[in-house]
Amino acid sequence: HGLIVSGPDGPISEADMLWDLASRLEGRMTAIGMETYLSRPI
């Protein structure tokens, strides 16, 4: 999980932030017509 920090919505880990960022990037790329893949399951 990496380090856990305090965020606006409560504690959040490195892994969760990176997964969320990857999901946001994936969503935008998919919406624009790109084929996107994640390198790992959660």
Full PDB file with SEQRES, HELIX, SHEET, SSBOND, CRYST1, ORIGX, SCALE, CONECT and MASTER records, all heavy atoms in Angstrom:
SEQRES   1 A   42  HIS GLY LEU ILE VAL SER GLY PRO ASP GLY PRO ILE SER          
SEQRES   2 A   42  GLU ALA ASP MET LEU TRP ASP LEU ALA SER ARG LEU GLU          
SEQRES   3 A   42  GLY ARG MET THR ALA ILE GLY MET GLU THR TYR LEU SER          
SEQRES   4 A   42  ARG PRO ILE                                                  
HELIX    1 AA1 GLU A   14  ALA A   31  1                                  18    
SHEET    1 AA1 2 ILE A   4  GLY A   7  0                                        
SHEET    2 AA1 2 GLY A  10  SER A  13 -1                                        
CRYST1    1.000    1.000    1.000  90.00  90.00  90.00 P 1           1          
ORIGX1      1.000000  0.000000  0.000000        0.00000                         
ORIGX2      0.000000  1.000000  0.000000        0.00000                         
ORIGX3      0.000000  0.000000  1.000000        0.00000                         
SCALE1      1.000000  0.000000  0.000000        0.00000                         
SCALE2      0.000000  1.000000  0.000000        0.00000                         
SCALE3      0.000000  0.000000  1.000000        0.00000                         
ATOM      1  N   HIS A   1       0.810  -1.217   0.000  1.00  0.00           N  
ATOM      2  CA  HIS A   1       0.000   0.000   0.000  1.00  0.00           C  
ATOM      3  C   HIS A   1       0.845   1.270   0.000  1.00  0.00           C  
ATOM      4  O   HIS A   1       0.347   2.334  -0.338  1.00  0.00           O  
ATOM      5  CB  HIS A   1      -0.924   0.018   1.220  1.00  0.00           C  
ATOM      6  CG  HIS A   1      -1.853  -1.152   1.289  1.00  0.00           C  
ATOM      7  ND1 HIS A   1      -2.902  -1.326   0.404  1.00  0.00           N  
ATOM      8  CD2 HIS A   1      -1.880  -2.224   2.126  1.00  0.00           C  
ATOM      9  CE1 HIS A   1      -3.543  -2.437   0.696  1.00  0.00           C  
ATOM     10  NE2 HIS A   1      -2.939  -3.015   1.731  1.00  0.00           N  
ATOM     11  N   GLY A   2       2.124   1.165   0.388  1.00  0.00           N  
ATOM     12  CA  GLY A   2       2.944   2.355   0.507  1.00  0.00           C  
ATOM     13  C   GLY A   2       2.548   3.171   1.735  1.00  0.00           C  
ATOM     14  O   GLY A   2       1.890   2.673   2.655  1.00  0.00           O  
ATOM     15  N   LEU A   3       2.941   4.434   1.738  1.00  0.00           N  
ATOM     16  CA  LEU A   3       2.593   5.302   2.860  1.00  0.00           C  
ATOM     17  C   LEU A   3       1.128   5.716   2.793  1.00  0.00           C  
ATOM     18  O   LEU A   3       0.527   5.753   1.721  1.00  0.00           O  
ATOM     19  CB  LEU A   3       3.486   6.545   2.845  1.00  0.00           C  
ATOM     20  CG  LEU A   3       4.989   6.328   3.075  1.00  0.00           C  
ATOM     21  CD1 LEU A   3       5.729   7.659   3.048  1.00  0.00           C  
ATOM     22  CD2 LEU A   3       5.239   5.609   4.403  1.00  0.00           C  
ATOM     23  N   ILE A   4       0.581   6.033   3.949  1.00  0.00           N  
ATOM     24  CA  ILE A   4      -0.802   6.512   4.045  1.00  0.00           C  
ATOM     25  C   ILE A   4      -0.777   7.954   4.532  1.00  0.00           C  
ATOM     26  O   ILE A   4      -0.082   8.287   5.500  1.00  0.00           O  
ATOM     27  CB  ILE A   4      -1.622   5.630   5.002  1.00  0.00           C  
ATOM     28  CG1 ILE A   4      -1.700   4.204   4.451  1.00  0.00           C  
ATOM     29  CG2 ILE A   4      -3.028   6.199   5.189  1.00  0.00           C  
ATOM     30  CD1 ILE A   4      -2.395   3.217   5.364  1.00  0.00           C  
ATOM     31  N   VAL A   5      -1.473   8.823   3.824  1.00  0.00           N  
ATOM     32  CA  VAL A   5      -1.512  10.244   4.182  1.00  0.00           C  
ATOM     33  C   VAL A   5      -2.958  10.675   4.422  1.00  0.00           C  
ATOM     34  O   VAL A   5      -3.898   9.977   4.037  1.00  0.00           O  
ATOM     35  CB  VAL A   5      -0.884  11.117   3.069  1.00  0.00           C  
ATOM     36  CG1 VAL A   5       0.569  10.725   2.838  1.00  0.00           C  
ATOM     37  CG2 VAL A   5      -1.679  11.004   1.768  1.00  0.00           C  
ATOM     38  N   SER A   6      -3.112  11.824   5.052  1.00  0.00           N  
ATOM     39  CA  SER A   6      -4.446  12.370   5.298  1.00  0.00           C  
ATOM     40  C   SER A   6      -4.883  13.207   4.107  1.00  0.00           C  
ATOM     41  O   SER A   6      -4.155  14.109   3.683  1.00  0.00           O  
ATOM     42  CB  SER A   6      -4.433  13.227   6.565  1.00  0.00           C  
ATOM     43  OG  SER A   6      -4.133  12.443   7.698  1.00  0.00           O  
ATOM     44  N   GLY A   7      -6.068  12.906   3.579  1.00  0.00           N  
ATOM     45  CA  GLY A   7      -6.616  13.658   2.463  1.00  0.00           C  
ATOM     46  C   GLY A   7      -7.927  14.311   2.834  1.00  0.00           C  
ATOM     47  O   GLY A   7      -8.443  14.107   3.946  1.00  0.00           O  
ATOM     48  N   PRO A   8      -8.508  15.084   1.944  1.00  0.00           N  
ATOM     49  CA  PRO A   8      -9.786  15.745   2.210  1.00  0.00           C  
ATOM     50  C   PRO A   8     -10.910  14.771   2.550  1.00  0.00           C  
ATOM     51  O   PRO A   8     -11.835  15.111   3.288  1.00  0.00           O  
ATOM     52  CB  PRO A   8     -10.081  16.471   0.897  1.00  0.00           C  
ATOM     53  CG  PRO A   8      -8.770  16.604   0.217  1.00  0.00           C  
ATOM     54  CD  PRO A   8      -7.978  15.409   0.614  1.00  0.00           C  
ATOM     55  N   ASP A   9     -10.823  13.549   2.014  1.00  0.00           N  
ATOM     56  CA  ASP A   9     -11.864  12.545   2.255  1.00  0.00           C  
ATOM     57  C   ASP A   9     -11.437  11.490   3.268  1.00  0.00           C  
ATOM     58  O   ASP A   9     -12.043  10.425   3.357  1.00  0.00           O  
ATOM     59  CB  ASP A   9     -12.244  11.866   0.933  1.00  0.00           C  
ATOM     60  CG  ASP A   9     -12.741  12.859  -0.099  1.00  0.00           C  
ATOM     61  OD1 ASP A   9     -13.506  13.757   0.286  1.00  0.00           O  
ATOM     62  OD2 ASP A   9     -12.339  12.743  -1.273  1.00  0.00           O  
ATOM     63  N   GLY A  10     -10.355  11.775   4.014  1.00  0.00           N  
ATOM     64  CA  GLY A  10      -9.868  10.820   4.999  1.00  0.00           C  
ATOM     65  C   GLY A  10      -8.535  10.221   4.585  1.00  0.00           C  
ATOM     66  O   GLY A  10      -7.944  10.618   3.574  1.00  0.00           O  
ATOM     67  N   PRO A  11      -8.014   9.247   5.340  1.00  0.00           N  
ATOM     68  CA  PRO A  11      -6.726   8.628   5.020  1.00  0.00           C  
ATOM     69  C   PRO A  11      -6.760   7.947   3.650  1.00  0.00           C  
ATOM     70  O   PRO A  11      -7.751   7.320   3.279  1.00  0.00           O  
ATOM     71  CB  PRO A  11      -6.538   7.597   6.139  1.00  0.00           C  
ATOM     72  CG  PRO A  11      -7.437   8.046   7.233  1.00  0.00           C  
ATOM     73  CD  PRO A  11      -8.611   8.699   6.572  1.00  0.00           C  
ATOM     74  N   ILE A  12      -5.651   8.065   2.906  1.00  0.00           N  
ATOM     75  CA  ILE A  12      -5.552   7.434   1.586  1.00  0.00           C  
ATOM     76  C   ILE A  12      -4.111   6.989   1.371  1.00  0.00           C  
ATOM     77  O   ILE A  12      -3.166   7.679   1.752  1.00  0.00           O  
ATOM     78  CB  ILE A  12      -6.022   8.396   0.466  1.00  0.00           C  
ATOM     79  CG1 ILE A  12      -6.026   7.677  -0.896  1.00  0.00           C  
ATOM     80  CG2 ILE A  12      -5.176   9.665   0.425  1.00  0.00           C  
ATOM     81  CD1 ILE A  12      -6.711   8.473  -1.992  1.00  0.00           C  
ATOM     82  N   SER A  13      -3.915   5.813   0.789  1.00  0.00           N  
ATOM     83  CA  SER A  13      -2.576   5.246   0.600  1.00  0.00           C  
ATOM     84  C   SER A  13      -2.007   5.630  -0.754  1.00  0.00           C  
ATOM     85  O   SER A  13      -2.726   6.067  -1.657  1.00  0.00           O  
ATOM     86  CB  SER A  13      -2.635   3.721   0.710  1.00  0.00           C  
ATOM     87  OG  SER A  13      -3.334   3.166  -0.399  1.00  0.00           O  
ATOM     88  N   GLU A  14      -0.682   5.433  -0.874  1.00  0.00           N  
ATOM     89  CA  GLU A  14      -0.020   5.641  -2.167  1.00  0.00           C  
ATOM     90  C   GLU A  14      -0.686   4.802  -3.253  1.00  0.00           C  
ATOM     91  O   GLU A  14      -0.982   5.285  -4.345  1.00  0.00           O  
ATOM     92  CB  GLU A  14       1.446   5.219  -2.077  1.00  0.00           C  
ATOM     93  CG  GLU A  14       2.385   6.182  -1.436  1.00  0.00           C  
ATOM     94  CD  GLU A  14       3.809   5.652  -1.495  1.00  0.00           C  
ATOM     95  OE1 GLU A  14       4.368   5.567  -2.609  1.00  0.00           O  
ATOM     96  OE2 GLU A  14       4.352   5.319  -0.430  1.00  0.00           O  
ATOM     97  N   ALA A  15      -0.905   3.510  -2.933  1.00  0.00           N  
ATOM     98  CA  ALA A  15      -1.467   2.593  -3.926  1.00  0.00           C  
ATOM     99  C   ALA A  15      -2.841   3.064  -4.389  1.00  0.00           C  
ATOM    100  O   ALA A  15      -3.158   3.020  -5.583  1.00  0.00           O  
ATOM    101  CB  ALA A  15      -1.559   1.183  -3.347  1.00  0.00           C  
ATOM    102  N   ASP A  16      -3.667   3.531  -3.452  1.00  0.00           N  
ATOM    103  CA  ASP A  16      -5.007   3.987  -3.817  1.00  0.00           C  
ATOM    104  C   ASP A  16      -4.963   5.250  -4.672  1.00  0.00           C  
ATOM    105  O   ASP A  16      -5.743   5.396  -5.620  1.00  0.00           O  
ATOM    106  CB  ASP A  16      -5.842   4.243  -2.559  1.00  0.00           C  
ATOM    107  CG  ASP A  16      -6.254   2.947  -1.865  1.00  0.00           C  
ATOM    108  OD1 ASP A  16      -6.225   1.890  -2.535  1.00  0.00           O  
ATOM    109  OD2 ASP A  16      -6.590   2.988  -0.667  1.00  0.00           O  
ATOM    110  N   MET A  17      -4.042   6.168  -4.352  1.00  0.00           N  
ATOM    111  CA  MET A  17      -3.924   7.382  -5.152  1.00  0.00           C  
ATOM    112  C   MET A  17      -3.443   7.070  -6.565  1.00  0.00           C  
ATOM    113  O   MET A  17      -3.949   7.630  -7.545  1.00  0.00           O  
ATOM    114  CB  MET A  17      -2.977   8.388  -4.471  1.00  0.00           C  
ATOM    115  CG  MET A  17      -3.610   9.135  -3.311  1.00  0.00           C  
ATOM    116  SD  MET A  17      -2.569  10.490  -2.703  1.00  0.00           S  
ATOM    117  CE  MET A  17      -1.410   9.587  -1.678  1.00  0.00           C  
ATOM    118  N   LEU A  18      -2.479   6.160  -6.668  1.00  0.00           N  
ATOM    119  CA  LEU A  18      -1.963   5.802  -7.993  1.00  0.00           C  
ATOM    120  C   LEU A  18      -3.023   5.063  -8.810  1.00  0.00           C  
ATOM    121  O   LEU A  18      -3.148   5.281 -10.018  1.00  0.00           O  
ATOM    122  CB  LEU A  18      -0.701   4.954  -7.851  1.00  0.00           C  
ATOM    123  CG  LEU A  18       0.524   5.689  -7.294  1.00  0.00           C  
ATOM    124  CD1 LEU A  18       1.656   4.706  -6.997  1.00  0.00           C  
ATOM    125  CD2 LEU A  18       1.005   6.760  -8.267  1.00  0.00           C  
ATOM    126  N   TRP A  19      -3.776   4.186  -8.149  1.00  0.00           N  
ATOM    127  CA  TRP A  19      -4.852   3.463  -8.856  1.00  0.00           C  
ATOM    128  C   TRP A  19      -5.924   4.440  -9.333  1.00  0.00           C  
ATOM    129  O   TRP A  19      -6.417   4.343 -10.461  1.00  0.00           O  
ATOM    130  CB  TRP A  19      -5.446   2.396  -7.957  1.00  0.00           C  
ATOM    131  CG  TRP A  19      -6.487   1.572  -8.645  1.00  0.00           C  
ATOM    132  CD1 TRP A  19      -7.839   1.764  -8.639  1.00  0.00           C  
ATOM    133  CD2 TRP A  19      -6.255   0.444  -9.498  1.00  0.00           C  
ATOM    134  NE1 TRP A  19      -8.465   0.822  -9.419  1.00  0.00           N  
ATOM    135  CE2 TRP A  19      -7.517  -0.002  -9.960  1.00  0.00           C  
ATOM    136  CE3 TRP A  19      -5.106  -0.239  -9.900  1.00  0.00           C  
ATOM    137  CZ2 TRP A  19      -7.659  -1.093 -10.804  1.00  0.00           C  
ATOM    138  CZ3 TRP A  19      -5.247  -1.336 -10.742  1.00  0.00           C  
ATOM    139  CH2 TRP A  19      -6.505  -1.752 -11.196  1.00  0.00           C  
ATOM    140  N   ASP A  20      -6.267   5.396  -8.469  1.00  0.00           N  
ATOM    141  CA  ASP A  20      -7.278   6.390  -8.833  1.00  0.00           C  
ATOM    142  C   ASP A  20      -6.788   7.261  -9.996  1.00  0.00           C  
ATOM    143  O   ASP A  20      -7.555   7.537 -10.936  1.00  0.00           O  
ATOM    144  CB  ASP A  20      -7.597   7.271  -7.629  1.00  0.00           C  
ATOM    145  CG  ASP A  20      -8.623   8.347  -7.949  1.00  0.00           C  
ATOM    146  OD1 ASP A  20      -9.823   8.027  -8.022  1.00  0.00           O  
ATOM    147  OD2 ASP A  20      -8.221   9.511  -8.154  1.00  0.00           O  
ATOM    148  N   LEU A  21      -5.519   7.672  -9.938  1.00  0.00           N  
ATOM    149  CA  LEU A  21      -4.964   8.479 -11.019  1.00  0.00           C  
ATOM    150  C   LEU A  21      -4.954   7.693 -12.325  1.00  0.00           C  
ATOM    151  O   LEU A  21      -5.322   8.223 -13.389  1.00  0.00           O  
ATOM    152  CB  LEU A  21      -3.543   8.923 -10.661  1.00  0.00           C  
ATOM    153  CG  LEU A  21      -2.755   9.664 -11.735  1.00  0.00           C  
ATOM    154  CD1 LEU A  21      -3.492  10.904 -12.218  1.00  0.00           C  
ATOM    155  CD2 LEU A  21      -1.362  10.036 -11.209  1.00  0.00           C  
ATOM    156  N   ALA A  22      -4.554   6.415 -12.261  1.00  0.00           N  
ATOM    157  CA  ALA A  22      -4.550   5.577 -13.462  1.00  0.00           C  
ATOM    158  C   ALA A  22      -5.967   5.429 -14.020  1.00  0.00           C  
ATOM    159  O   ALA A  22      -6.170   5.457 -15.247  1.00  0.00           O  
ATOM    160  CB  ALA A  22      -3.959   4.205 -13.137  1.00  0.00           C  
ATOM    161  N   SER A  23      -6.957   5.288 -13.144  1.00  0.00           N  
ATOM    162  CA  SER A  23      -8.343   5.145 -13.588  1.00  0.00           C  
ATOM    163  C   SER A  23      -8.846   6.419 -14.257  1.00  0.00           C  
ATOM    164  O   SER A  23      -9.581   6.365 -15.253  1.00  0.00           O  
ATOM    165  CB  SER A  23      -9.238   4.792 -12.397  1.00  0.00           C  
ATOM    166  OG  SER A  23      -8.832   3.566 -11.806  1.00  0.00           O  
ATOM    167  N   ARG A  24      -8.473   7.569 -13.716  1.00  0.00           N  
ATOM    168  CA  ARG A  24      -8.876   8.840 -14.322  1.00  0.00           C  
ATOM    169  C   ARG A  24      -8.233   9.012 -15.700  1.00  0.00           C  
ATOM    170  O   ARG A  24      -8.880   9.471 -16.646  1.00  0.00           O  
ATOM    171  CB  ARG A  24      -8.504  10.004 -13.407  1.00  0.00           C  
ATOM    172  CG  ARG A  24      -9.319  10.042 -12.131  1.00  0.00           C  
ATOM    173  CD  ARG A  24      -8.802  11.073 -11.119  1.00  0.00           C  
ATOM    174  NE  ARG A  24      -9.473  10.899  -9.844  1.00  0.00           N  
ATOM    175  CZ  ARG A  24     -10.609  11.507  -9.498  1.00  0.00           C  
ATOM    176  NH1 ARG A  24     -11.177  12.363 -10.337  1.00  0.00           N  
ATOM    177  NH2 ARG A  24     -11.167  11.277  -8.330  1.00  0.00           N  
ATOM    178  N   LEU A  25      -6.961   8.642 -15.813  1.00  0.00           N  
ATOM    179  CA  LEU A  25      -6.286   8.735 -17.108  1.00  0.00           C  
ATOM    180  C   LEU A  25      -6.892   7.739 -18.093  1.00  0.00           C  
ATOM    181  O   LEU A  25      -7.138   8.070 -19.261  1.00  0.00           O  
ATOM    182  CB  LEU A  25      -4.790   8.458 -16.920  1.00  0.00           C  
ATOM    183  CG  LEU A  25      -3.909   8.510 -18.166  1.00  0.00           C  
ATOM    184  CD1 LEU A  25      -4.024   9.860 -18.878  1.00  0.00           C  
ATOM    185  CD2 LEU A  25      -2.448   8.212 -17.808  1.00  0.00           C  
ATOM    186  N   GLU A  26      -7.163   6.519 -17.610  1.00  0.00           N  
ATOM    187  CA  GLU A  26      -7.776   5.494 -18.457  1.00  0.00           C  
ATOM    188  C   GLU A  26      -9.137   5.952 -18.965  1.00  0.00           C  
ATOM    189  O   GLU A  26      -9.471   5.786 -20.147  1.00  0.00           O  
ATOM    190  CB  GLU A  26      -7.920   4.192 -17.677  1.00  0.00           C  
ATOM    191  CG  GLU A  26      -8.553   3.072 -18.478  1.00  0.00           C  
ATOM    192  CD  GLU A  26      -8.894   1.865 -17.629  1.00  0.00           C  
ATOM    193  OE1 GLU A  26      -9.175   2.044 -16.428  1.00  0.00           O  
ATOM    194  OE2 GLU A  26      -8.900   0.741 -18.172  1.00  0.00           O  
ATOM    195  N   GLY A  27      -9.954   6.554 -18.106  1.00  0.00           N  
ATOM    196  CA  GLY A  27     -11.282   7.010 -18.503  1.00  0.00           C  
ATOM    197  C   GLY A  27     -11.227   8.053 -19.594  1.00  0.00           C  
ATOM    198  O   GLY A  27     -12.004   8.006 -20.562  1.00  0.00           O  
ATOM    199  N   ARG A  28     -10.311   9.000 -19.474  1.00  0.00           N  
ATOM    200  CA  ARG A  28     -10.181  10.048 -20.487  1.00  0.00           C  
ATOM    201  C   ARG A  28      -9.676   9.480 -21.811  1.00  0.00           C  
ATOM    202  O   ARG A  28     -10.142   9.857 -22.885  1.00  0.00           O  
ATOM    203  CB  ARG A  28      -9.247  11.147 -19.984  1.00  0.00           C  
ATOM    204  CG  ARG A  28      -9.896  12.054 -18.933  1.00  0.00           C  
ATOM    205  CD  ARG A  28      -8.855  12.874 -18.186  1.00  0.00           C  
ATOM    206  NE  ARG A  28      -9.493  13.887 -17.349  1.00  0.00           N  
ATOM    207  CZ  ARG A  28     -10.058  13.629 -16.168  1.00  0.00           C  
ATOM    208  NH1 ARG A  28     -10.064  12.383 -15.709  1.00  0.00           N  
ATOM    209  NH2 ARG A  28     -10.609  14.597 -15.465  1.00  0.00           N  
ATOM    210  N   MET A  29      -8.713   8.580 -21.725  1.00  0.00           N  
ATOM    211  CA  MET A  29      -8.171   7.994 -22.955  1.00  0.00           C  
ATOM    212  C   MET A  29      -9.219   7.137 -23.659  1.00  0.00           C  
ATOM    213  O   MET A  29      -9.329   7.162 -24.888  1.00  0.00           O  
ATOM    214  CB  MET A  29      -6.918   7.169 -22.628  1.00  0.00           C  
ATOM    215  CG  MET A  29      -5.703   8.009 -22.275  1.00  0.00           C  
ATOM    216  SD  MET A  29      -4.220   6.999 -22.004  1.00  0.00           S  
ATOM    217  CE  MET A  29      -2.943   8.279 -22.075  1.00  0.00           C  
ATOM    218  N   THR A  30      -9.973   6.377 -22.894  1.00  0.00           N  
ATOM    219  CA  THR A  30     -11.025   5.543 -23.486  1.00  0.00           C  
ATOM    220  C   THR A  30     -12.093   6.400 -24.142  1.00  0.00           C  
ATOM    221  O   THR A  30     -12.570   6.092 -25.249  1.00  0.00           O  
ATOM    222  CB  THR A  30     -11.651   4.645 -22.406  1.00  0.00           C  
ATOM    223  OG1 THR A  30     -10.634   3.823 -21.816  1.00  0.00           O  
ATOM    224  CG2 THR A  30     -12.725   3.754 -22.998  1.00  0.00           C  
ATOM    225  N   ALA A  31     -12.467   7.505 -23.483  1.00  0.00           N  
ATOM    226  CA  ALA A  31     -13.497   8.395 -24.034  1.00  0.00           C  
ATOM    227  C   ALA A  31     -13.068   9.010 -25.355  1.00  0.00           C  
ATOM    228  O   ALA A  31     -13.902   9.314 -26.212  1.00  0.00           O  
ATOM    229  CB  ALA A  31     -13.817   9.498 -23.024  1.00  0.00           C  
ATOM    230  N   ILE A  32     -11.762   9.173 -25.532  1.00  0.00           N  
ATOM    231  CA  ILE A  32     -11.265   9.799 -26.754  1.00  0.00           C  
ATOM    232  C   ILE A  32     -11.008   8.772 -27.852  1.00  0.00           C  
ATOM    233  O   ILE A  32     -10.625   9.115 -28.966  1.00  0.00           O  
ATOM    234  CB  ILE A  32      -9.998  10.615 -26.431  1.00  0.00           C  
ATOM    235  CG1 ILE A  32      -9.944  11.907 -27.231  1.00  0.00           C  
ATOM    236  CG2 ILE A  32      -8.730   9.806 -26.630  1.00  0.00           C  
ATOM    237  CD1 ILE A  32      -8.970  12.923 -26.704  1.00  0.00           C  
ATOM    238  N   GLY A  33     -11.228   7.473 -27.525  1.00  0.00           N  
ATOM    239  CA  GLY A  33     -11.103   6.428 -28.531  1.00  0.00           C  
ATOM    240  C   GLY A  33      -9.840   5.610 -28.485  1.00  0.00           C  
ATOM    241  O   GLY A  33      -9.584   4.790 -29.377  1.00  0.00           O  
ATOM    242  N   MET A  34      -9.043   5.787 -27.435  1.00  0.00           N  
ATOM    243  CA  MET A  34      -7.798   5.023 -27.321  1.00  0.00           C  
ATOM    244  C   MET A  34      -8.075   3.654 -26.697  1.00  0.00           C  
ATOM    245  O   MET A  34      -9.012   3.499 -25.908  1.00  0.00           O  
ATOM    246  CB  MET A  34      -6.780   5.789 -26.477  1.00  0.00           C  
ATOM    247  CG  MET A  34      -6.477   7.191 -26.988  1.00  0.00           C  
ATOM    248  SD  MET A  34      -5.309   8.099 -25.937  1.00  0.00           S  
ATOM    249  CE  MET A  34      -3.753   7.390 -26.477  1.00  0.00           C  
ATOM    250  N   GLU A  35      -7.255   2.662 -27.069  1.00  0.00           N  
ATOM    251  CA  GLU A  35      -7.313   1.349 -26.430  1.00  0.00           C  
ATOM    252  C   GLU A  35      -6.405   1.385 -25.210  1.00  0.00           C  
ATOM    253  O   GLU A  35      -5.195   1.597 -25.339  1.00  0.00           O  
ATOM    254  CB  GLU A  35      -6.842   0.253 -27.382  1.00  0.00           C  
ATOM    255  CG  GLU A  35      -7.720   0.055 -28.596  1.00  0.00           C  
ATOM    256  CD  GLU A  35      -7.188  -1.073 -29.460  1.00  0.00           C  
ATOM    257  OE1 GLU A  35      -6.746  -2.101 -28.900  1.00  0.00           O  
ATOM    258  OE2 GLU A  35      -7.196  -0.921 -30.699  1.00  0.00           O  
ATOM    259  N   THR A  36      -6.969   1.232 -24.032  1.00  0.00           N  
ATOM    260  CA  THR A  36      -6.178   1.333 -22.811  1.00  0.00           C  
ATOM    261  C   THR A  36      -6.171   0.019 -22.049  1.00  0.00           C  
ATOM    262  O   THR A  36      -7.161  -0.714 -22.029  1.00  0.00           O  
ATOM    263  CB  THR A  36      -6.719   2.444 -21.894  1.00  0.00           C  
ATOM    264  OG1 THR A  36      -8.087   2.170 -21.594  1.00  0.00           O  
ATOM    265  CG2 THR A  36      -6.611   3.806 -22.555  1.00  0.00           C  
ATOM    266  N   TYR A  37      -5.040  -0.262 -21.420  1.00  0.00           N  
ATOM    267  CA  TYR A  37      -4.874  -1.468 -20.605  1.00  0.00           C  
ATOM    268  C   TYR A  37      -4.157  -1.071 -19.326  1.00  0.00           C  
ATOM    269  O   TYR A  37      -3.279  -0.201 -19.338  1.00  0.00           O  
ATOM    270  CB  TYR A  37      -4.033  -2.519 -21.339  1.00  0.00           C  
ATOM    271  CG  TYR A  37      -4.619  -2.977 -22.650  1.00  0.00           C  
ATOM    272  CD1 TYR A  37      -4.408  -2.239 -23.818  1.00  0.00           C  
ATOM    273  CD2 TYR A  37      -5.379  -4.144 -22.737  1.00  0.00           C  
ATOM    274  CE1 TYR A  37      -4.943  -2.647 -25.034  1.00  0.00           C  
ATOM    275  CE2 TYR A  37      -5.920  -4.558 -23.948  1.00  0.00           C  
ATOM    276  CZ  TYR A  37      -5.689  -3.805 -25.090  1.00  0.00           C  
ATOM    277  OH  TYR A  37      -6.219  -4.202 -26.296  1.00  0.00           O  
ATOM    278  N   LEU A  38      -4.514  -1.708 -18.224  1.00  0.00           N  
ATOM    279  CA  LEU A  38      -3.790  -1.531 -16.970  1.00  0.00           C  
ATOM    280  C   LEU A  38      -2.786  -2.664 -16.818  1.00  0.00           C  
ATOM    281  O   LEU A  38      -3.065  -3.811 -17.182  1.00  0.00           O  
ATOM    282  CB  LEU A  38      -4.750  -1.502 -15.786  1.00  0.00           C  
ATOM    283  CG  LEU A  38      -5.682  -0.277 -15.717  1.00  0.00           C  
ATOM    284  CD1 LEU A  38      -6.683  -0.446 -14.579  1.00  0.00           C  
ATOM    285  CD2 LEU A  38      -4.883   1.005 -15.528  1.00  0.00           C  
ATOM    286  N   SER A  39      -1.623  -2.357 -16.273  1.00  0.00           N  
ATOM    287  CA  SER A  39      -0.546  -3.345 -16.188  1.00  0.00           C  
ATOM    288  C   SER A  39      -0.787  -4.400 -15.116  1.00  0.00           C  
ATOM    289  O   SER A  39      -0.099  -5.422 -15.087  1.00  0.00           O  
ATOM    290  CB  SER A  39       0.777  -2.637 -15.893  1.00  0.00           C  
ATOM    291  OG  SER A  39       0.731  -2.035 -14.597  1.00  0.00           O  
ATOM    292  N   ARG A  40      -1.744  -4.149 -14.236  1.00  0.00           N  
ATOM    293  CA  ARG A  40      -1.986  -5.077 -13.128  1.00  0.00           C  
ATOM    294  C   ARG A  40      -3.417  -4.947 -12.641  1.00  0.00           C  
ATOM    295  O   ARG A  40      -4.047  -3.902 -12.809  1.00  0.00           O  
ATOM    296  CB  ARG A  40      -1.037  -4.765 -11.962  1.00  0.00           C  
ATOM    297  CG  ARG A  40      -1.276  -3.381 -11.346  1.00  0.00           C  
ATOM    298  CD  ARG A  40      -0.512  -3.198 -10.051  1.00  0.00           C  
ATOM    299  NE  ARG A  40      -0.694  -1.877  -9.453  1.00  0.00           N  
ATOM    300  CZ  ARG A  40      -1.680  -1.557  -8.639  1.00  0.00           C  
ATOM    301  NH1 ARG A  40      -2.625  -2.456  -8.354  1.00  0.00           N  
ATOM    302  NH2 ARG A  40      -1.761  -0.346  -8.112  1.00  0.00           N  
ATOM    303  N   PRO A  41      -3.944  -6.011 -11.993  1.00  0.00           N  
ATOM    304  CA  PRO A  41      -5.222  -5.862 -11.279  1.00  0.00           C  
ATOM    305  C   PRO A  41      -4.979  -5.135  -9.964  1.00  0.00           C  
ATOM    306  O   PRO A  41      -3.833  -4.993  -9.516  1.00  0.00           O  
ATOM    307  CB  PRO A  41      -5.661  -7.312 -11.052  1.00  0.00           C  
ATOM    308  CG  PRO A  41      -4.394  -8.092 -11.029  1.00  0.00           C  
ATOM    309  CD  PRO A  41      -3.457  -7.400 -11.978  1.00  0.00           C  
ATOM    310  N   ILE A  42      -6.028  -4.697  -9.325  1.00  0.00           N  
ATOM    311  CA  ILE A  42      -5.886  -3.900  -8.110  1.00  0.00           C  
ATOM    312  C   ILE A  42      -5.271  -4.700  -6.960  1.00  0.00           C  
ATOM    313  O   ILE A  42      -4.639  -4.128  -6.059  1.00  0.00           O  
ATOM    314  CB  ILE A  42      -7.260  -3.310  -7.694  1.00  0.00           C  
ATOM    315  CG1 ILE A  42      -7.073  -2.195  -6.659  1.00  0.00           C  
ATOM    316  CG2 ILE A  42      -8.186  -4.410  -7.191  1.00  0.00           C  
ATOM    317  CD1 ILE A  42      -8.332  -1.398  -6.386  1.00  0.00           C  
TER     318      ILE A  42                                                      
MASTER        0    0    0    1    2    0    0    6  317    1    0    4          
END                                                                             
